C-alpha atoms as a PDB file:
ATOM      1  CA  MET A   1      43.209 -66.383  -1.326  1.00  0.00           C
ATOM      2  CA  LEU A   2      40.205 -67.816   0.552  1.00  0.00           C
ATOM      3  CA  SER A   3      40.725 -65.418   3.464  1.00  0.00           C
ATOM      4  CA  LEU A   4      40.748 -62.454   1.092  1.00  0.00           C
ATOM      5  CA  LEU A   5      37.369 -63.512  -0.254  1.00  0.00           C
ATOM      6  CA  VAL A   6      35.812 -64.088   3.171  1.00  0.00           C
ATOM      7  CA  THR A   7      36.995 -60.917   4.941  1.00  0.00           C
ATOM      8  CA  PRO A   8      34.915 -58.387   2.982  1.00  0.00           C
ATOM      9  CA  LEU A   9      31.759 -60.432   3.629  1.00  0.00           C
ATOM     10  CA  THR A  10      32.263 -60.580   7.399  1.00  0.00           C
ATOM     11  CA  ALA A  11      32.966 -56.828   7.459  1.00  0.00           C
ATOM     12  CA  CYS A  12      29.656 -55.933   5.803  1.00  0.00           C
ATOM     13  CA  LYS A  13      26.940 -54.308   7.909  1.00  0.00           C
ATOM     14  CA  ARG A  14      23.266 -54.649   7.221  1.00  0.00           C
ATOM     15  CA  VAL A  15      21.714 -51.341   6.165  1.00  0.00           C
ATOM     16  CA  GLU A  16      18.278 -50.748   7.680  1.00  0.00           C
ATOM     17  CA  ASP A  17      15.544 -49.486   5.369  1.00  0.00           C
ATOM     18  CA  PRO A  18      14.023 -46.379   7.031  1.00  0.00           C
ATOM     19  CA  ASP A  19      10.786 -46.989   5.106  1.00  0.00           C
ATOM     20  CA  ALA A  20      10.496 -50.658   6.050  1.00  0.00           C
ATOM     21  CA  ASP A  21       7.584 -50.112   8.435  1.00  0.00           C
ATOM     22  CA  ARG A  22       5.744 -47.660   6.155  1.00  0.00           C
ATOM     23  CA  ALA A  23       3.051 -48.498   3.647  1.00  0.00           C
ATOM     24  CA  GLU A  24       4.460 -48.598   0.130  1.00  0.00           C
ATOM     25  CA  THR A  25       1.761 -46.175  -1.001  1.00  0.00           C
ATOM     26  CA  ALA A  26       3.090 -43.546   1.435  1.00  0.00           C
ATOM     27  CA  ARG A  27       6.804 -43.764   0.704  1.00  0.00           C
ATOM     28  CA  ALA A  28       6.860 -40.986  -1.890  1.00  0.00           C
ATOM     29  CA  TYR A  29       5.937 -38.582   0.919  1.00  0.00           C
ATOM     30  CA  PRO A  30       8.094 -37.542   3.882  1.00  0.00           C
ATOM     31  CA  PRO A  31       7.519 -39.602   7.035  1.00  0.00           C
ATOM     32  CA  ALA A  32       6.110 -38.016  10.158  1.00  0.00           C
ATOM     33  CA  SER A  33       8.872 -36.120  11.979  1.00  0.00           C
ATOM     34  CA  ARG A  34       7.026 -36.318  15.297  1.00  0.00           C
ATOM     35  CA  PRO A  35       5.517 -39.108  17.394  1.00  0.00           C
ATOM     36  CA  VAL A  36       2.182 -40.584  16.426  1.00  0.00           C
ATOM     37  CA  SER A  37      -0.389 -41.371  19.092  1.00  0.00           C
ATOM     38  CA  ASP A  38      -1.521 -44.951  19.526  1.00  0.00           C
ATOM     39  CA  LEU A  39      -5.083 -45.655  18.481  1.00  0.00           C
ATOM     40  CA  ALA A  40      -7.207 -44.855  21.503  1.00  0.00           C
ATOM     41  CA  GLY A  41     -10.386 -46.614  20.504  1.00  0.00           C
ATOM     42  CA  ASN A  42     -13.548 -45.193  19.055  1.00  0.00           C
ATOM     43  CA  GLN A  43     -15.264 -43.927  22.185  1.00  0.00           C
ATOM     44  CA  TRP A  44     -13.505 -40.675  23.098  1.00  0.00           C
ATOM     45  CA  SER A  45     -16.215 -39.833  25.641  1.00  0.00           C
ATOM     46  CA  THR A  46     -19.842 -40.729  26.256  1.00  0.00           C
ATOM     47  CA  GLU A  47     -22.297 -39.157  23.854  1.00  0.00           C
ATOM     48  CA  THR A  48     -24.435 -37.909  26.722  1.00  0.00           C
ATOM     49  CA  ALA A  49     -21.484 -36.068  28.275  1.00  0.00           C
ATOM     50  CA  ARG A  50     -20.535 -34.533  24.938  1.00  0.00           C
ATOM     51  CA  ASP A  51     -24.086 -33.384  24.305  1.00  0.00           C
ATOM     52  CA  LYS A  52     -24.271 -31.783  27.740  1.00  0.00           C
ATOM     53  CA  ARG A  53     -21.282 -29.653  26.779  1.00  0.00           C
ATOM     54  CA  GLY A  54     -22.978 -28.776  23.504  1.00  0.00           C
ATOM     55  CA  GLU A  55     -19.883 -29.975  21.655  1.00  0.00           C
ATOM     56  CA  ALA A  56     -21.328 -31.008  18.306  1.00  0.00           C
ATOM     57  CA  GLU A  57     -23.647 -28.013  18.031  1.00  0.00           C
ATOM     58  CA  GLU A  58     -20.851 -25.542  18.759  1.00  0.00           C
ATOM     59  CA  ILE A  59     -18.423 -27.215  16.359  1.00  0.00           C
ATOM     60  CA  MET A  60     -20.964 -27.412  13.536  1.00  0.00           C
ATOM     61  CA  LYS A  61     -21.892 -23.763  14.061  1.00  0.00           C
ATOM     62  CA  ALA A  62     -18.232 -22.693  13.994  1.00  0.00           C
ATOM     63  CA  ALA A  63     -17.747 -24.756  10.830  1.00  0.00           C
ATOM     64  CA  GLY A  64     -20.558 -22.858   9.110  1.00  0.00           C
ATOM     65  CA  LEU A  65     -22.484 -26.031   8.427  1.00  0.00           C
ATOM     66  CA  GLN A  66     -25.721 -25.497   6.508  1.00  0.00           C
ATOM     67  CA  PRO A  67     -28.590 -27.715   5.279  1.00  0.00           C
ATOM     68  CA  GLY A  68     -27.840 -29.216   1.895  1.00  0.00           C
ATOM     69  CA  MET A  69     -24.060 -29.395   2.364  1.00  0.00           C
ATOM     70  CA  THR A  70     -21.972 -32.479   1.615  1.00  0.00           C
ATOM     71  CA  VAL A  71     -19.600 -33.397   4.435  1.00  0.00           C
ATOM     72  CA  ALA A  72     -17.160 -36.140   5.414  1.00  0.00           C
ATOM     73  CA  ASP A  73     -16.625 -37.465   8.937  1.00  0.00           C
ATOM     74  CA  ILE A  74     -13.115 -38.959   8.981  1.00  0.00           C
ATOM     75  CA  GLY A  75     -12.364 -41.340  11.824  1.00  0.00           C
ATOM     76  CA  ALA A  76     -16.095 -41.596  12.417  1.00  0.00           C
ATOM     77  CA  GLY A  77     -15.784 -44.392  14.974  1.00  0.00           C
ATOM     78  CA  GLU A  78     -19.116 -45.143  16.629  1.00  0.00           C
ATOM     79  CA  GLY A  79     -20.785 -42.275  14.764  1.00  0.00           C
ATOM     80  CA  TYR A  80     -21.228 -39.493  17.320  1.00  0.00           C
ATOM     81  CA  TYR A  81     -20.630 -36.795  14.727  1.00  0.00           C
ATOM     82  CA  THR A  82     -22.011 -38.796  11.812  1.00  0.00           C
ATOM     83  CA  VAL A  83     -25.584 -38.875  13.113  1.00  0.00           C
ATOM     84  CA  ARG A  84     -25.511 -35.208  14.166  1.00  0.00           C
ATOM     85  CA  LEU A  85     -24.023 -34.082  10.867  1.00  0.00           C
ATOM     86  CA  ALA A  86     -26.711 -36.061   9.047  1.00  0.00           C
ATOM     87  CA  GLU A  87     -29.432 -34.262  10.976  1.00  0.00           C
ATOM     88  CA  LYS A  88     -27.822 -30.863  10.379  1.00  0.00           C
ATOM     89  CA  VAL A  89     -27.360 -31.144   6.604  1.00  0.00           C
ATOM     90  CA  GLY A  90     -30.831 -32.613   6.207  1.00  0.00           C
ATOM     91  CA  ALA A  91     -32.384 -34.711   3.480  1.00  0.00           C
ATOM     92  CA  LYS A  92     -30.797 -32.655   0.695  1.00  0.00           C
ATOM     93  CA  GLY A  93     -27.324 -32.975   2.208  1.00  0.00           C
ATOM     94  CA  ARG A  94     -24.934 -35.918   2.287  1.00  0.00           C
ATOM     95  CA  VAL A  95     -22.574 -37.364   4.890  1.00  0.00           C
ATOM     96  CA  LEU A  96     -19.746 -39.778   4.129  1.00  0.00           C
ATOM     97  CA  ALA A  97     -18.526 -41.536   7.285  1.00  0.00           C
ATOM     98  CA  GLN A  98     -15.034 -43.023   7.064  1.00  0.00           C
ATOM     99  CA  ASP A  99     -12.813 -45.029   9.400  1.00  0.00           C
ATOM    100  CA  ILE A 100      -9.815 -47.348   9.044  1.00  0.00           C
ATOM    101  CA  ASP A 101     -11.232 -49.786  11.625  1.00  0.00           C
ATOM    102  CA  GLN A 102     -13.414 -52.377   9.904  1.00  0.00           C
ATOM    103  CA  GLY A 103     -15.099 -53.269  13.184  1.00  0.00           C
ATOM    104  CA  ALA A 104     -16.077 -49.638  13.763  1.00  0.00           C
ATOM    105  CA  ILE A 105     -17.366 -49.392  10.202  1.00  0.00           C
ATOM    106  CA  ASP A 106     -19.546 -52.478  10.705  1.00  0.00           C
ATOM    107  CA  ARG A 107     -20.999 -51.153  13.955  1.00  0.00           C
ATOM    108  CA  LEU A 108     -21.617 -47.758  12.409  1.00  0.00           C
ATOM    109  CA  ALA A 109     -23.398 -49.390   9.469  1.00  0.00           C
ATOM    110  CA  GLU A 110     -25.741 -51.089  11.917  1.00  0.00           C
ATOM    111  CA  ARG A 111     -26.444 -47.760  13.609  1.00  0.00           C
ATOM    112  CA  VAL A 112     -27.076 -45.985  10.313  1.00  0.00           C
ATOM    113  CA  ASN A 113     -29.498 -48.703   9.231  1.00  0.00           C
ATOM    114  CA  ARG A 114     -31.229 -48.771  12.611  1.00  0.00           C
ATOM    115  CA  ASP A 115     -31.706 -44.988  12.614  1.00  0.00           C
ATOM    116  CA  ALA A 116     -32.709 -44.975   8.908  1.00  0.00           C
ATOM    117  CA  LEU A 117     -30.142 -42.303   8.034  1.00  0.00           C
ATOM    118  CA  ASP A 118     -30.741 -42.273   4.287  1.00  0.00           C
ATOM    119  CA  ASN A 119     -28.322 -39.399   3.683  1.00  0.00           C
ATOM    120  CA  VAL A 120     -25.300 -41.264   5.132  1.00  0.00           C
ATOM    121  CA  SER A 121     -22.879 -43.529   3.281  1.00  0.00           C
ATOM    122  CA  ILE A 122     -19.932 -45.403   4.813  1.00  0.00           C
ATOM    123  CA  LYS A 123     -16.442 -46.038   3.511  1.00  0.00           C
ATOM    124  CA  LEU A 124     -13.322 -47.844   4.724  1.00  0.00           C
ATOM    125  CA  GLY A 125     -10.286 -45.551   4.626  1.00  0.00           C
ATOM    126  CA  ALA A 126      -6.530 -46.122   4.771  1.00  0.00           C
ATOM    127  CA  PRO A 127      -3.860 -44.796   7.167  1.00  0.00           C
ATOM    128  CA  ASP A 128      -2.264 -42.726   4.392  1.00  0.00           C
ATOM    129  CA  SER A 129      -5.412 -41.720   2.474  1.00  0.00           C
ATOM    130  CA  PRO A 130      -8.995 -40.805   3.344  1.00  0.00           C
ATOM    131  CA  ARG A 131     -10.058 -42.234  -0.046  1.00  0.00           C
ATOM    132  CA  LEU A 132     -12.561 -39.484  -0.737  1.00  0.00           C
ATOM    133  CA  PRO A 133     -14.043 -38.619  -4.150  1.00  0.00           C
ATOM    134  CA  GLU A 134     -12.617 -35.477  -5.735  1.00  0.00           C
ATOM    135  CA  ASN A 135     -14.256 -32.047  -5.659  1.00  0.00           C
ATOM    136  CA  SER A 136     -17.093 -33.290  -3.463  1.00  0.00           C
ATOM    137  CA  PHE A 137     -17.094 -31.841   0.055  1.00  0.00           C
ATOM    138  CA  ASP A 138     -18.077 -28.551   1.631  1.00  0.00           C
ATOM    139  CA  ARG A 139     -16.587 -29.657   4.948  1.00  0.00           C
ATOM    140  CA  VAL A 140     -14.319 -32.493   6.060  1.00  0.00           C
ATOM    141  CA  PHE A 141     -14.288 -33.151   9.818  1.00  0.00           C
ATOM    142  CA  LEU A 142     -11.251 -34.603  11.641  1.00  0.00           C
ATOM    143  CA  VAL A 143     -12.431 -34.777  15.246  1.00  0.00           C
ATOM    144  CA  HIS A 144     -10.055 -36.076  17.932  1.00  0.00           C
ATOM    145  CA  MET A 145      -8.247 -38.257  15.402  1.00  0.00           C
ATOM    146  CA  TYR A 146      -5.570 -36.260  13.581  1.00  0.00           C
ATOM    147  CA  HIS A 147      -2.930 -37.008  16.241  1.00  0.00           C
ATOM    148  CA  GLU A 148      -3.329 -40.698  15.288  1.00  0.00           C
ATOM    149  CA  VAL A 149      -2.632 -40.162  11.563  1.00  0.00           C
ATOM    150  CA  ARG A 150       0.600 -42.048  10.874  1.00  0.00           C
ATOM    151  CA  GLU A 151       1.312 -40.506   7.466  1.00  0.00           C
ATOM    152  CA  PRO A 152       0.240 -36.857   7.854  1.00  0.00           C
ATOM    153  CA  TYR A 153       1.822 -35.540   4.637  1.00  0.00           C
ATOM    154  CA  ALA A 154       0.431 -38.301   2.422  1.00  0.00           C
ATOM    155  CA  PHE A 155      -2.949 -38.162   4.173  1.00  0.00           C
ATOM    156  CA  LEU A 156      -3.407 -34.390   3.938  1.00  0.00           C
ATOM    157  CA  SER A 157      -2.136 -34.257   0.349  1.00  0.00           C
ATOM    158  CA  ARG A 158      -4.641 -36.899  -0.726  1.00  0.00           C
ATOM    159  CA  LEU A 159      -7.438 -35.141   1.140  1.00  0.00           C
ATOM    160  CA  ARG A 160      -6.994 -31.842  -0.737  1.00  0.00           C
ATOM    161  CA  PRO A 161      -8.620 -32.929  -4.037  1.00  0.00           C
ATOM    162  CA  ALA A 162     -11.782 -33.940  -2.175  1.00  0.00           C
ATOM    163  CA  LEU A 163     -12.559 -30.351  -1.161  1.00  0.00           C
ATOM    164  CA  LEU A 164     -14.905 -28.344  -3.344  1.00  0.00           C
ATOM    165  CA  ALA A 165     -12.722 -26.184  -5.554  1.00  0.00           C
ATOM    166  CA  LYS A 166     -12.435 -22.465  -4.913  1.00  0.00           C
ATOM    167  CA  ASP A 167     -14.422 -20.861  -7.699  1.00  0.00           C
ATOM    168  CA  GLY A 168     -15.097 -17.578  -5.970  1.00  0.00           C
ATOM    169  CA  ALA A 169     -18.150 -18.894  -4.146  1.00  0.00           C
ATOM    170  CA  GLU A 170     -18.381 -18.378  -0.420  1.00  0.00           C
ATOM    171  CA  GLY A 171     -18.131 -21.589   1.582  1.00  0.00           C
ATOM    172  CA  ALA A 172     -15.485 -23.388  -0.520  1.00  0.00           C
ATOM    173  CA  GLY A 173     -14.364 -26.738   0.886  1.00  0.00           C
ATOM    174  CA  GLU A 174     -12.800 -26.567   4.353  1.00  0.00           C
ATOM    175  CA  VAL A 175     -11.133 -29.035   6.714  1.00  0.00           C
ATOM    176  CA  ILE A 176     -12.290 -28.850  10.333  1.00  0.00           C
ATOM    177  CA  VAL A 177      -9.923 -30.162  13.023  1.00  0.00           C
ATOM    178  CA  VAL A 178     -10.882 -30.633  16.656  1.00  0.00           C
ATOM    179  CA  ASP A 179      -8.048 -31.805  18.879  1.00  0.00           C
ATOM    180  CA  VAL A 180      -6.346 -31.240  22.239  1.00  0.00           C
ATOM    181  CA  ASN A 181      -3.296 -29.092  22.989  1.00  0.00           C
ATOM    182  CA  ARG A 182      -1.115 -31.692  24.642  1.00  0.00           C
ATOM    183  CA  ASP A 183       1.663 -34.105  23.749  1.00  0.00           C
ATOM    184  CA  PHE A 184       1.103 -37.026  21.387  1.00  0.00           C
ATOM    185  CA  ALA A 185       1.694 -39.524  24.199  1.00  0.00           C
ATOM    186  CA  GLN A 186      -1.403 -38.039  25.832  1.00  0.00           C
ATOM    187  CA  HIS A 187      -3.460 -38.251  22.637  1.00  0.00           C
ATOM    188  CA  GLY A 188      -3.217 -34.665  21.462  1.00  0.00           C
ATOM    189  CA  ILE A 189      -1.233 -32.388  19.156  1.00  0.00           C
ATOM    190  CA  PRO A 190       0.056 -28.875  19.869  1.00  0.00           C
ATOM    191  CA  PRO A 191      -1.585 -26.329  17.520  1.00  0.00           C
ATOM    192  CA  LYS A 192       1.809 -25.120  16.273  1.00  0.00           C
ATOM    193  CA  GLN A 193       2.598 -28.617  14.981  1.00  0.00           C
ATOM    194  CA  LEU A 194      -0.836 -28.926  13.396  1.00  0.00           C
ATOM    195  CA  PHE A 195      -0.550 -25.581  11.603  1.00  0.00           C
ATOM    196  CA  CYS A 196       2.891 -26.450  10.237  1.00  0.00           C
ATOM    197  CA  GLU A 197       1.849 -29.820   8.817  1.00  0.00           C
ATOM    198  CA  PHE A 198      -1.192 -28.396   7.050  1.00  0.00           C
ATOM    199  CA  GLU A 199       0.853 -25.507   5.650  1.00  0.00           C
ATOM    200  CA  ALA A 200       3.549 -27.921   4.439  1.00  0.00           C
ATOM    201  CA  VAL A 201       1.131 -29.497   1.948  1.00  0.00           C
ATOM    202  CA  GLY A 202      -0.613 -26.325   0.831  1.00  0.00           C
ATOM    203  CA  TYR A 203      -3.367 -25.350   3.258  1.00  0.00           C
ATOM    204  CA  GLU A 204      -3.979 -22.038   4.993  1.00  0.00           C
ATOM    205  CA  LEU A 205      -5.441 -21.566   8.458  1.00  0.00           C
ATOM    206  CA  VAL A 206      -8.690 -19.567   8.231  1.00  0.00           C
ATOM    207  CA  GLY A 207     -10.065 -20.000  11.741  1.00  0.00           C
ATOM    208  CA  PHE A 208      -8.942 -21.040  15.215  1.00  0.00           C
ATOM    209  CA  MET A 209     -10.347 -20.976  18.728  1.00  0.00           C
ATOM    210  CA  GLU A 210      -9.461 -22.554  22.069  1.00  0.00           C
ATOM    211  CA  ARG A 211     -12.489 -24.309  23.540  1.00  0.00           C
ATOM    212  CA  PRO A 212     -11.361 -26.444  26.500  1.00  0.00           C
ATOM    213  CA  GLU A 213     -14.962 -26.742  27.685  1.00  0.00           C
ATOM    214  CA  LEU A 214     -15.683 -28.584  24.435  1.00  0.00           C
ATOM    215  CA  GLY A 215     -12.729 -30.891  24.789  1.00  0.00           C
ATOM    216  CA  GLY A 216      -9.921 -29.005  23.047  1.00  0.00           C
ATOM    217  CA  TYR A 217      -9.418 -26.521  20.220  1.00  0.00           C
ATOM    218  CA  PHE A 218     -11.026 -25.883  16.843  1.00  0.00           C
ATOM    219  CA  ALA A 219      -9.066 -25.156  13.654  1.00  0.00           C
ATOM    220  CA  LYS A 220     -10.328 -24.534  10.106  1.00  0.00           C
ATOM    221  CA  PHE A 221      -8.225 -24.852   6.936  1.00  0.00           C
ATOM    222  CA  ARG A 222      -8.636 -24.262   3.205  1.00  0.00           C
ATOM    223  CA  ALA A 223      -6.497 -25.392   0.306  1.00  0.00           C
ATOM    224  CA  LYS A 224      -4.245 -22.621  -0.977  1.00  0.00           C
ATOM    225  CA  GLY A 225      -2.449 -22.482  -4.300  1.00  0.00           C
ATOM    226  CA  PRO A 226      -1.496 -25.502  -6.417  1.00  0.00           C
ATOM    227  CA  PRO A 227      -0.892 -28.915  -4.820  1.00  0.00           C
ATOM    228  CA  ILE A 228       2.635 -29.442  -3.501  1.00  0.00           C
ATOM    229  CA  LEU A 229       4.409 -32.447  -5.010  1.00  0.00           C
ATOM    230  CA  PRO A 230       5.620 -35.109  -2.536  1.00  0.00           C
ATOM    231  CA  GLY A 231       9.295 -34.365  -3.197  1.00  0.00           C
ATOM    232  CA  LYS A 232       8.757 -30.637  -2.525  1.00  0.00           C
ATOM    233  CA  ILE A 233       7.193 -31.095   0.918  1.00  0.00           C
ATOM    234  CA  THR A 234       9.375 -29.891   3.791  1.00  0.00           C
ATOM    235  CA  PRO A 235       8.610 -31.885   6.969  1.00  0.00           C
ATOM    236  CA  CYS A 236       7.919 -29.873  10.101  1.00  0.00           C
ATOM    237  CA  PRO A 237      10.396 -30.069  12.982  1.00  0.00           C
ATOM    238  CA  TYR A 238       9.033 -31.600  16.150  1.00  0.00           C
ATOM    239  CA  GLU A 239       9.303 -29.390  19.212  1.00  0.00           C
ATOM    240  CA  ARG A 240       8.128 -31.256  22.289  1.00  0.00           C
ATOM    241  CA  ASP A 241       7.127 -28.142  24.184  1.00  0.00           C
ATOM    242  CA  SER A 242       5.618 -26.302  21.185  1.00  0.00           C
ATOM    243  CA  ASP A 243       2.289 -24.631  21.848  1.00  0.00           C
END
């Protein structure tokens, strides 16, 4: 009798929870179906080198940035784009700089105070949410950081409400992505993968250009149609050699 009771217990196998290493707040959404780049630090390149290429000016021009706009700089790091966005939108505009690295946020706060950037505010984000106020932004910039987003479907879904709603006015809220066409292990993301993930949560691509001299490619998205519920999101297949 004792052996009959013991046998089933020894035959049991432990079932691994596929969501065990995911934040609880992200588990309603599909997990990433492709690799996620390791965090590469907050200094992608020297600011002097980037200015020599005219990177920020070209990207802001392509984004249609105008004085008076309200913008968000996600993954702001040391603030390369933050300070240039602040100058571009001017005193009547607003910039919200966000990062998930508390150390980077603290250093950026020091820079903002030192440079007296009165039109900049700073916010700590989360890996699965940019934590942005709803219906607030003309442009949201994701520059050389999207390949590090560990919960792309949760993150992009929670970003959508922050964009200014389409009410027929030109210049409705847009998401600007600057990244590199290479594998995730090399801190990039192929455009095909990027397009698919944005489309999966209800965005449409409205602009794209290859600009290797500026450090990668430029893509522009707008929200399209009603939000897609977490259970209705179809994850994108990962094709290593996609381009």
